[in-house]
């Protein structure tokens, strides 16, 4: 590995670590300001945001990294932002019609629905710009973005939570965090990128070149986000909204650790795989070993003192979340490796396979939750979900290895 690549990894890892440490420091306060029920309801709303975000982006953000020429990059960005703006207007009009004529039941206020669409559009654009910076190897901007978003989101949640805003306190934190990220992106964008944001152009030919992303990766991501949302809904239905909140808190804490590693290694490995396909297996093997060396020690420590520590830090009302994380400790390592390698189907246009595996995961996770209802124990759904995540990640990693070795053999021939 070159010294330049090592510097990028250390720099991005350090910045992502800072961005992750901030919510970790804020969690003890947030966990006391909001109830498990409020965390559960917010998590359902937040995951619903990811679903709409997928429909707005059509996975074109994932396609950006594969663009080789600046012209193609800007065409793809323009088409994607055009789609985001038009789709957001259509969804807003549908919500307006529903508000006037009560066409279908939505329990949230119109104000929250309106803010939901605006936030989905802003977060979609920021994701698009993130991938553009990654493609251009502007990792410093990505690092600053992560820190900016983390600070503004969590401080906003604490501020509004202290003022007893309830669900809105959490939601306003998400809105402000996304707006601050967009402002930071615009500040570090060039003249052409700013012009694209203001006056995007729709390029049909550009979209045709990336139809695999639009058709298959969008469906795959949609199913994945739908799984996350419905898991919370199903737990609240079969058990309670409080247990759904406990699960959301546990997953939220685990995701902090998983994301800091995966978000660091993913863009760097993806770019290296595109630029140096001949050495991809050796390069990825070294980085997977690095991931294991980073992740395993904290998991061992958590096994011995994690439950007591989390219960003390967050307060006793989150003891179930602490125990749930303990059940997930073996799964966390496998999930981190899996998330870091998510780009591999993109390399070989195998997005259709990702759809099938996400559908398999749907069967695994909801079958597990349903079976868990036959056991009268609050930890039963967490055991079932942990097993489903473990199997899903292991199956994906085996598939990724198959794709790598098969295509590497072809490349050598």
Foldseek 3Di string as FASTA:
>chain_A
DDPVLVVLLVVLLVLLVLLLVLVVVLLQLLLVLAALLLLLVLQLLVLVLLLVLLVLQLQLLLVLLVDDDPVLNLLSLLQSLVSLVVVLVVQLVVLVVCVVPVPDDDPDDNVVVNLSSVLSSLLSNLSSLLSNCLSVVVSVLVSVLSNQLSVQLSVQLSVVSVVVPRNVSNVVSSSRSSVRSSVSSVVPDDPSSVVSNVRGDRDPVSCVVVVLSNPQVSLLSSLLSVLSSVLLVVCCVLPNSSLSSLQSVLVVSLVSVLCSLLVSLQSSLLNCCSVPVLCSVVVLVVSLVVLCVVQVVVLVVCLVCQLVVCCVSNHVSNSLSSVLNNLQSVLSSLLSSLSNLVCLCVVVSNSNVSSVLSVVLSCQLVVQQVVLSVDPDSCSSSNSNSVSSNVSSVVSVVVSVVSSVVVSVVVVD
